[in-house]
Amino acid sequence: MTASGENVASLLLAWYDAHARDLPWRARPRDPAPDPYRVWLSEVMLQQTTVAAVKPYFAAFTSRWPTVEALAVAPEEEVMAAWAGLGYYSRARNLVKCARAVAERGGFPETEAELRKLPGLGDYTAAAIAAIAFGRRAVVVDANVERVVARLFAIAEPLPGGRRAVRAAADAITPEESAGDFAQAMMDLGATICTARDPRCLLCPLSARCEARRSGEPARFPVKTPKKAKPQRAGTVWWIVREGRVWLVRRPGRGMLGGMRALPDDGWSAGSDGSGEPPLAGEWREVGAVRHGFTHFDLDLRVMALGGAGEPPGEGEWWPVGELESAGLPTLFAKAARRAMAD
């Protein structure tokens, strides 16, 4: 690491000692490393999700499954239901697979290379666990770190192509010691000071070293390639009730929202609109619509209701409408259910 890198690390670690965020999965600066299970669980939950949204889920998971061994023996459908609302449901499926792999091997491995072999762990998560839970030197680059580094070095190459340069620069300033605290300090700096809009440069411990600030346009970095417009899809969801119960189905294990309980729908997908064909005959009425954004497309979903229904085709279950919150519906279907119940 260069002398300038040593200087950045020392400045940032001193700032972190005084300003570290108090998070339920985190050890205080300079304290012994936290439980690898809690680090892993939090990092998986935090992917594409805010800290505020994750906190109650983290508390519920660690209360219900306090160890990786406890999670490893949990039925997958229970974990999926507990995950409902966090989105990106493939993370929950991989969570169970990873927990079982870790329990089988007797604990989490300590190196990035071995961590990457676990189900669902990419480069970032493996590096974060290695650094934060085991104190290994690892280059940890999430969206916050990417922004801090791109500004610190004024990296003008647009993302995603510029990520190689960002990683190389992050490697140059990552210290040999206190790598976990350094990684979390970078995350905190990006989350609280070096924010995407209106960075608070006067409060930043690295402002004197920051090339983007020196340029007079810190918010211009990181430079991003313009996003393509997402496709718009349309579909229909069916609210089928009988004697105070609503018909729920289980989505296929593979694919979007795989393995989750849901309201039946008309087969919409990321690549096509739904058919609009109801699953059984009857006097259907439209009770509203909901809109939901996925990573690669947006969806407009009509909500159609049928009361006093017969038995729908296929496998499913009648769930008490008054207890629907306990069904663990994904956010999209929870929105549709609220729309139907409000009618």
Protein backbone atom coordinates (compact mmCIF):
# COMPACT_ATOMS: atom_id res chain seq x y z
CA MET A 1 0.00 0.00 0.00
CA THR A 2 1.32 3.45 -0.85
CA ALA A 3 2.08 6.16 1.70
CA SER A 4 -1.01 8.05 0.51
CA GLY A 5 -3.01 4.87 1.05
CA GLU A 6 -1.72 4.57 4.60
CA ASN A 7 -2.71 8.17 5.21
CA VAL A 8 -6.25 7.64 3.88
CA ALA A 9 -6.69 4.53 6.01
CA SER A 10 -5.48 6.21 9.21
CA LEU A 11 -7.71 9.26 8.65
CA LEU A 12 -10.73 7.11 7.91
CA LEU A 13 -10.22 4.72 10.84
CA ALA A 14 -9.88 7.65 13.24
CA TRP A 15 -13.16 9.06 11.91
CA TYR A 16 -14.83 5.65 12.20
CA ASP A 17 -13.79 5.31 15.85
CA ALA A 18 -15.87 8.40 16.60
CA HIS A 19 -18.69 8.12 14.08
CA ALA A 20 -19.42 4.43 13.41
CA ARG A 21 -23.10 3.67 12.97
CA ASP A 22 -24.67 1.55 15.69
CA LEU A 23 -26.05 -1.45 13.80
CA PRO A 24 -27.38 -4.69 15.33
CA TRP A 25 -25.06 -6.94 13.34
CA ARG A 26 -21.91 -4.91 13.93
CA ALA A 27 -19.15 -4.97 16.55
CA ARG A 28 -17.87 -1.61 17.76
CA PRO A 29 -14.60 -0.32 16.27
CA ARG A 30 -11.56 -2.15 17.65
CA ASP A 31 -13.79 -4.73 19.40
CA PRO A 32 -13.34 -8.45 18.71
CA ALA A 33 -14.80 -9.56 15.38
CA PRO A 34 -18.55 -10.27 15.37
CA ASP A 35 -20.23 -13.64 14.85
CA PRO A 36 -19.68 -14.70 11.20
CA TYR A 37 -23.31 -15.86 11.04
CA ARG A 38 -24.58 -12.37 11.85
CA VAL A 39 -22.16 -10.76 9.40
CA TRP A 40 -23.18 -13.15 6.62
CA LEU A 41 -26.90 -12.81 7.30
CA SER A 42 -26.76 -9.02 7.38
CA GLU A 43 -24.70 -8.79 4.20
CA VAL A 44 -27.11 -11.04 2.30
CA MET A 45 -30.11 -9.05 3.56
CA LEU A 46 -28.48 -5.70 2.73
CA GLN A 47 -27.98 -6.52 -0.96
CA GLN A 48 -30.21 -4.10 -2.90
CA THR A 49 -31.99 -3.21 0.37
CA THR A 50 -31.72 -0.34 2.86
CA VAL A 51 -30.46 -0.59 6.43
CA ALA A 52 -33.82 0.66 7.74
CA ALA A 53 -35.69 -2.09 5.89
CA VAL A 54 -33.27 -4.81 7.02
CA LYS A 55 -33.21 -4.09 10.77
CA PRO A 56 -36.60 -5.67 11.67
CA TYR A 57 -35.97 -8.69 9.42
CA PHE A 58 -32.52 -9.22 10.94
CA ALA A 59 -34.00 -9.06 14.45
CA ALA A 60 -36.75 -11.54 13.53
CA PHE A 61 -34.37 -13.99 11.83
CA THR A 62 -31.77 -13.98 14.61
CA SER A 63 -34.50 -14.41 17.23
CA ARG A 64 -36.10 -17.32 15.39
CA TRP A 65 -32.85 -18.86 14.07
CA PRO A 66 -30.03 -17.63 16.36
CA THR A 67 -27.30 -19.74 14.74
CA VAL A 68 -26.43 -20.93 11.29
CA GLU A 69 -27.13 -24.48 12.47
CA ALA A 70 -30.67 -23.49 13.46
CA LEU A 71 -31.26 -21.89 10.09
CA ALA A 72 -29.82 -24.92 8.32
CA VAL A 73 -32.58 -27.21 9.66
CA ALA A 74 -35.42 -24.72 9.05
CA PRO A 75 -37.95 -25.71 6.36
CA GLU A 76 -37.31 -23.66 3.24
CA GLU A 77 -40.93 -22.53 2.99
CA GLU A 78 -40.74 -21.05 6.53
CA VAL A 79 -37.60 -19.10 5.64
CA MET A 80 -39.19 -17.87 2.41
CA ALA A 81 -42.28 -16.71 4.32
CA ALA A 82 -40.13 -14.90 6.91
CA TRP A 83 -38.24 -13.22 4.06
CA ALA A 84 -41.44 -11.93 2.39
CA GLY A 85 -41.22 -8.20 1.75
CA LEU A 86 -37.43 -8.00 1.46
CA GLY A 87 -37.51 -8.77 -2.27
CA TYR A 88 -34.92 -10.50 -4.47
CA TYR A 89 -36.21 -13.86 -3.27
CA SER A 90 -33.40 -15.91 -4.80
CA ARG A 91 -31.37 -14.58 -1.84
CA ALA A 92 -33.67 -16.44 0.57
CA ARG A 93 -33.36 -19.70 -1.35
CA ASN A 94 -29.58 -19.36 -1.39
CA LEU A 95 -29.65 -18.44 2.30
CA VAL A 96 -31.00 -21.88 3.18
CA LYS A 97 -28.59 -23.65 0.81
CA CYS A 98 -25.63 -21.74 2.24
CA ALA A 99 -26.66 -22.34 5.85
CA ARG A 100 -26.85 -26.08 5.19
CA ALA A 101 -23.46 -26.08 3.47
CA VAL A 102 -21.87 -24.17 6.37
CA ALA A 103 -23.45 -26.44 8.99
CA GLU A 104 -22.29 -29.52 7.10
CA ARG A 105 -18.69 -28.30 7.00
CA GLY A 106 -18.75 -27.23 10.65
CA GLY A 107 -18.58 -23.46 10.29
CA PHE A 108 -17.79 -20.61 7.93
CA PRO A 109 -14.46 -20.71 6.09
CA GLU A 110 -12.20 -17.72 6.79
CA THR A 111 -10.78 -16.92 3.36
CA GLU A 112 -12.35 -15.17 0.39
CA ALA A 113 -11.55 -18.06 -1.91
CA GLU A 114 -13.32 -20.63 0.29
CA LEU A 115 -16.21 -18.30 1.08
CA ARG A 116 -16.86 -17.81 -2.64
CA LYS A 117 -17.51 -21.54 -2.95
CA LEU A 118 -20.60 -21.28 -0.73
CA PRO A 119 -24.03 -21.00 -2.42
CA GLY A 120 -25.06 -17.44 -3.17
CA LEU A 121 -21.80 -15.75 -2.13
CA GLY A 122 -20.29 -13.50 -4.76
CA ASP A 123 -17.06 -11.53 -4.65
CA TYR A 124 -18.43 -8.68 -2.53
CA THR A 125 -20.09 -10.83 0.14
CA ALA A 126 -17.09 -13.15 0.42
CA ALA A 127 -14.74 -10.18 0.83
CA ALA A 128 -17.01 -8.53 3.39
CA ILE A 129 -17.25 -11.65 5.56
CA ALA A 130 -13.52 -12.33 5.32
CA ALA A 131 -12.67 -8.78 6.39
CA ILE A 132 -15.41 -8.06 8.95
CA ALA A 133 -15.82 -11.47 10.58
CA PHE A 134 -12.27 -12.81 10.30
CA GLY A 135 -10.04 -9.74 10.04
CA ARG A 136 -8.54 -10.84 6.73
CA ARG A 137 -7.31 -8.19 4.35
CA ALA A 138 -9.93 -8.06 1.62
CA VAL A 139 -11.00 -5.40 -0.86
CA VAL A 140 -14.67 -4.77 -0.09
CA VAL A 141 -16.53 -2.71 -2.70
CA ASP A 142 -20.26 -2.11 -2.43
CA ALA A 143 -22.21 0.81 -3.94
CA ASN A 144 -21.21 3.17 -1.11
CA VAL A 145 -17.53 2.23 -1.32
CA GLU A 146 -17.65 2.50 -5.10
CA ARG A 147 -18.92 6.07 -4.83
CA VAL A 148 -16.33 7.09 -2.22
CA VAL A 149 -13.42 5.64 -4.20
CA ALA A 150 -14.62 7.04 -7.55
CA ARG A 151 -14.70 10.51 -5.98
CA LEU A 152 -11.50 10.17 -4.01
CA PHE A 153 -9.57 9.39 -7.21
CA ALA A 154 -11.91 11.24 -9.67
CA ILE A 155 -12.29 8.10 -11.77
CA ALA A 156 -13.96 9.37 -14.94
CA GLU A 157 -14.50 6.08 -16.75
CA PRO A 158 -18.28 5.43 -16.72
CA LEU A 159 -19.68 2.53 -14.76
CA PRO A 160 -19.95 -0.37 -15.10
CA GLY A 161 -16.76 -0.35 -17.19
CA GLY A 162 -14.96 1.76 -14.61
CA ARG A 163 -15.38 -0.80 -11.84
CA ARG A 164 -11.99 -2.36 -12.53
CA ALA A 165 -10.31 1.00 -11.93
CA VAL A 166 -12.41 1.55 -8.79
CA ARG A 167 -11.41 -1.83 -7.40
CA ALA A 168 -7.72 -1.20 -8.13
CA ALA A 169 -7.92 2.14 -6.34
CA ALA A 170 -9.76 0.57 -3.39
CA ASP A 171 -7.05 -2.09 -3.21
CA ALA A 172 -4.39 0.65 -3.04
CA ILE A 173 -5.89 2.19 0.10
CA THR A 174 -7.04 -0.97 1.95
CA PRO A 175 -4.77 -1.52 4.98
CA GLU A 176 -3.23 -4.80 6.03
CA GLU A 177 -4.60 -4.41 9.56
CA SER A 178 -8.13 -3.45 10.66
CA ALA A 179 -9.49 -4.40 7.24
CA GLY A 180 -12.95 -5.06 8.67
CA ASP A 181 -13.18 -1.67 10.37
CA PHE A 182 -11.82 -0.02 7.24
CA ALA A 183 -14.46 -1.68 5.04
CA GLN A 184 -17.26 -0.65 7.38
CA ALA A 185 -15.82 2.86 7.67
CA MET A 186 -15.93 3.21 3.89
CA MET A 187 -19.54 1.99 3.88
CA ASP A 188 -20.51 4.45 6.63
CA LEU A 189 -18.76 7.33 4.89
CA GLY A 190 -20.69 6.65 1.71
CA ALA A 191 -23.98 6.22 3.55
CA THR A 192 -23.77 9.32 5.74
CA ILE A 193 -21.27 11.83 4.28
CA CYS A 194 -20.28 11.00 0.70
CA THR A 195 -23.89 10.53 -0.39
CA ALA A 196 -25.08 10.17 -3.96
CA ARG A 197 -26.57 13.67 -3.96
CA ASP A 198 -25.26 16.70 -2.09
CA PRO A 199 -22.12 15.14 -0.55
CA ARG A 200 -21.23 16.78 2.77
CA CYS A 201 -17.63 17.49 1.89
CA LEU A 202 -17.01 19.87 4.81
CA LEU A 203 -17.58 16.98 7.22
CA CYS A 204 -15.55 14.41 5.31
CA PRO A 205 -12.28 13.20 6.87
CA LEU A 206 -10.87 12.60 3.38
CA SER A 207 -11.85 15.92 1.80
CA ALA A 208 -8.27 17.19 1.63
CA ARG A 209 -7.30 14.06 -0.34
CA CYS A 210 -10.36 14.03 -2.63
CA GLU A 211 -9.73 14.69 -6.32
CA ALA A 212 -13.46 15.04 -7.07
CA ARG A 213 -13.83 17.79 -4.49
CA ARG A 214 -10.77 19.49 -5.93
CA SER A 215 -12.48 19.43 -9.33
CA GLY A 216 -15.42 21.40 -7.90
CA GLU A 217 -17.97 18.78 -9.01
CA PRO A 218 -17.86 15.90 -6.52
CA ALA A 219 -21.44 14.82 -7.25
CA ARG A 220 -20.47 14.15 -10.88
CA PHE A 221 -18.67 10.99 -9.75
CA PRO A 222 -19.05 8.11 -10.21
CA VAL A 223 -19.88 8.64 -13.86
CA LYS A 224 -22.67 6.31 -14.94
CA THR A 225 -23.82 5.09 -18.34
CA PRO A 226 -27.42 6.22 -18.94
CA LYS A 227 -29.91 3.52 -17.97
CA LYS A 228 -32.09 1.91 -20.60
CA ALA A 229 -35.83 2.25 -20.12
CA LYS A 230 -37.31 -0.85 -18.49
CA PRO A 231 -39.97 -2.83 -20.37
CA GLN A 232 -43.56 -2.41 -19.19
CA ARG A 233 -45.58 -5.56 -18.61
CA ALA A 234 -49.24 -6.13 -17.76
CA GLY A 235 -50.98 -8.99 -16.04
CA THR A 236 -53.90 -10.02 -13.87
CA VAL A 237 -54.07 -11.45 -10.38
CA TRP A 238 -57.09 -13.41 -9.15
CA TRP A 239 -58.65 -12.83 -5.72
CA ILE A 240 -60.77 -15.94 -5.13
CA VAL A 241 -62.67 -16.06 -1.84
CA ARG A 242 -65.02 -18.50 -0.17
CA GLU A 243 -66.38 -18.42 3.37
CA GLY A 244 -63.80 -15.94 4.61
CA ARG A 245 -60.85 -17.71 2.97
CA VAL A 246 -58.77 -16.79 -0.06
CA TRP A 247 -57.20 -19.23 -2.51
CA LEU A 248 -53.38 -19.19 -2.47
CA VAL A 249 -50.99 -21.11 -4.66
CA ARG A 250 -47.31 -21.96 -4.37
CA ARG A 251 -45.17 -20.56 -7.18
CA PRO A 252 -42.75 -22.94 -8.95
CA GLY A 253 -39.46 -23.41 -7.14
CA ARG A 254 -37.46 -21.94 -10.00
CA GLY A 255 -38.04 -18.55 -11.53
CA MET A 256 -39.41 -15.25 -10.30
CA LEU A 257 -40.62 -15.31 -6.68
CA GLY A 258 -39.92 -19.03 -6.76
CA GLY A 259 -41.33 -21.17 -3.97
CA MET A 260 -43.40 -18.35 -2.48
CA ARG A 261 -47.08 -18.42 -1.57
CA ALA A 262 -48.99 -16.11 -3.89
CA LEU A 263 -52.35 -15.24 -5.35
CA PRO A 264 -52.94 -17.03 -8.67
CA ASP A 265 -52.15 -14.96 -11.74
CA ASP A 266 -52.42 -15.16 -15.51
CA GLY A 267 -48.82 -16.10 -16.31
CA TRP A 268 -47.18 -12.68 -16.78
CA SER A 269 -43.40 -12.74 -16.86
CA ALA A 270 -40.41 -10.49 -17.44
CA GLY A 271 -40.67 -11.28 -21.13
CA SER A 272 -44.40 -11.16 -21.81
CA ASP A 273 -47.78 -9.90 -20.67
CA GLY A 274 -50.28 -12.21 -19.01
CA SER A 275 -53.09 -13.96 -20.85
CA GLY A 276 -55.94 -12.33 -18.91
CA GLU A 277 -57.69 -15.72 -18.75
CA PRO A 278 -59.32 -16.49 -15.35
CA PRO A 279 -58.63 -19.85 -13.71
CA LEU A 280 -62.35 -20.72 -13.40
CA ALA A 281 -65.70 -19.47 -14.66
CA GLY A 282 -67.71 -16.93 -12.70
CA GLU A 283 -68.79 -13.32 -12.42
CA TRP A 284 -65.44 -11.64 -11.99
CA ARG A 285 -65.22 -7.98 -11.11
CA GLU A 286 -62.24 -5.65 -11.27
CA VAL A 287 -61.43 -4.18 -7.84
CA GLY A 288 -58.41 -2.10 -8.76
CA ALA A 289 -54.83 -2.34 -9.95
CA VAL A 290 -51.34 -2.23 -8.51
CA ARG A 291 -47.99 -1.28 -9.98
CA HIS A 292 -44.71 -2.90 -9.01
CA GLY A 293 -41.14 -2.43 -10.16
CA PHE A 294 -38.79 -5.38 -10.64
CA THR A 295 -35.11 -5.12 -11.49
CA HIS A 296 -35.60 -5.61 -15.23
CA PHE A 297 -39.22 -4.57 -15.86
CA ASP A 298 -42.23 -2.76 -14.44
CA LEU A 299 -45.57 -4.47 -13.98
CA ASP A 300 -49.15 -3.18 -14.00
CA LEU A 301 -51.40 -5.78 -12.43
CA ARG A 302 -55.20 -5.80 -12.54
CA VAL A 303 -56.87 -7.27 -9.47
CA MET A 304 -59.96 -9.33 -10.30
CA ALA A 305 -62.22 -10.76 -7.57
CA LEU A 306 -64.65 -13.65 -7.41
CA GLY A 307 -66.77 -14.42 -4.36
CA GLY A 308 -68.50 -17.67 -3.42
CA ALA A 309 -66.14 -19.54 -5.69
CA GLY A 310 -65.95 -23.24 -6.28
CA GLU A 311 -62.73 -25.23 -6.08
CA PRO A 312 -60.09 -23.72 -8.39
CA PRO A 313 -58.04 -26.06 -10.58
CA GLY A 314 -54.57 -27.16 -9.58
CA GLU A 315 -52.88 -27.26 -6.20
CA GLY A 316 -53.44 -24.57 -3.61
CA GLU A 317 -54.82 -23.84 -0.17
CA TRP A 318 -57.64 -21.83 1.37
CA TRP A 319 -56.12 -19.27 3.72
CA PRO A 320 -58.11 -17.22 6.27
CA VAL A 321 -58.39 -13.67 4.94
CA GLY A 322 -58.03 -12.29 8.46
CA GLU A 323 -54.67 -14.07 8.86
CA LEU A 324 -53.22 -13.24 5.45
CA GLU A 325 -50.24 -11.37 6.91
CA SER A 326 -48.92 -14.68 8.23
CA ALA A 327 -48.91 -16.24 4.74
CA GLY A 328 -45.62 -14.55 3.80
CA LEU A 329 -46.83 -13.14 0.48
CA PRO A 330 -44.23 -11.31 -1.64
CA THR A 331 -44.69 -7.53 -1.72
CA LEU A 332 -46.41 -7.56 -5.12
CA PHE A 333 -49.12 -9.99 -4.00
CA ALA A 334 -49.46 -8.34 -0.60
CA LYS A 335 -50.21 -5.08 -2.47
CA ALA A 336 -52.84 -6.85 -4.58
CA ALA A 337 -54.40 -8.45 -1.50
CA ARG A 338 -54.67 -5.09 0.26
CA ARG A 339 -56.32 -3.64 -2.83
CA ALA A 340 -58.86 -6.47 -2.94
CA MET A 341 -59.64 -6.26 0.80
CA ALA A 342 -60.12 -2.49 0.56
CA ASP A 343 -62.87 -2.86 -2.03
